[in-house]
Amino acid sequence: MHRLLLLGCFWLLTAPPVSSIFQRPTGSPAPPRLQYLLEPLHSTVHTQRGATATLPCVLRALPRNYRVKWSKVEPANYRESVIIITNGLYHKNYGPLSPRVQLRHSHRYDASLTITDVALEDEGRYRCQLVNGLDDESVSLTLHLEGVVFPYQPSNGRYKFNYHEAKRACEQQDSRLATYQQLYKAWTEGLDWCNAGWILDGTVHYPIINSREPCGGRLLLPGVRTYGAKDKQKDRFDAFCFTSALQGSQVYFIRGHLNFKEAGQACRNHGAAIAKVGQLYSAWKFSQLDRCDGGWLADGSVRYPITTPRQRCGGLPDPGVRSFGFPSKEMRTYGTYCFAGK
């Protein structure tokens, strides 16, 4: 008996702690943590302005006391704006998107976000985040609108906009300031422009296809040249605007010798409005509007869209929207381009 007691005491003194008996051997992998959010098959959702788009976010299981939060990363300041929060039973909408968003909720694991009547400002990066204590997860998706970028300057000449004026000018022309990604894509598709312009994040750039002396010199390689971030109040440049197709709309030309006031009235007589610059670019890009005729637009400029370049239509080799600038509004030389919305 004494010998058994001595052996028991010796084992207690020399045995490893109980906790270490159940510890995982050094170097062995941790058991995999359950991933609640399914990775989307496609991280980019393509849509059109005016359409309904759904950003997928699906759970494989429902943890206790969870929440799902949708937010949008704003390119102008890189901050996240909350759109909607749900706990599976109830939800609350936030911000300017609030009237146009809802959860698809096609089944109990579905937390996908549906956006109706998609607008230009809806394009960008979205995040679906599962909030579940220490096990938070998220998936990122991009909403992409097919569109067109165009340079814009006012009637009083180049380099007249500070950042806020450039932003407002684009909005007045049925567009918005382009993002860097949109400007870069436009450059890859042939946008070549020597004047520097604001984009949405407050930086200034200009896209060059053909290197030349007035545009930084012949030795600089083609590319999107940058001036970097500038003072949004004091510095002045042009603007690069982005617009997209609008479902159910039409831009058409009315022939005539009209001054600016008569041009607007001619469109109203047809139940339409005089077209904005962004609307003409959209019709050129997406409806292949092709006319040799200069026509008044809402900002007082005169332009015409060319999809099939030819000698008698300006002689330039590339498609584009040509401009006669801002002639006197009393001049009776041009027709007008009208916009009929849905």
Foldseek 3Di string as FASTA:
>chain_A
DVVVVVVVVVCVVPPDDPVVVPDDPPPDDDDDDDDFWDADPAQEWEDAAQAKTKAWIFTPDQDPPKKKWKWFQQLQARDTDTAKMDNLPDMDGDDPQNVFWDAPCPDSGTRMIMGGRHAQRPFHKMKIWMGDPPPIDIYMHTYDYDWAKDWDDAQVDWFDAFQVRQQVVLVVQQWGFADPVRVQVNLVVPAADQWWAAGNNQWIWGFHDQADDSRPHNVDHGGIGTPGHDDRPPGTGITITIHHDDPPKDKDWDWFQAFQVVQQVVQVVVVWGFHGPRVQRRCCVPVVAADLFWAAHPSQWTKGWHCCDDCVSPHDHHTDIGTPRHDPSRGRHGITMTMDHD
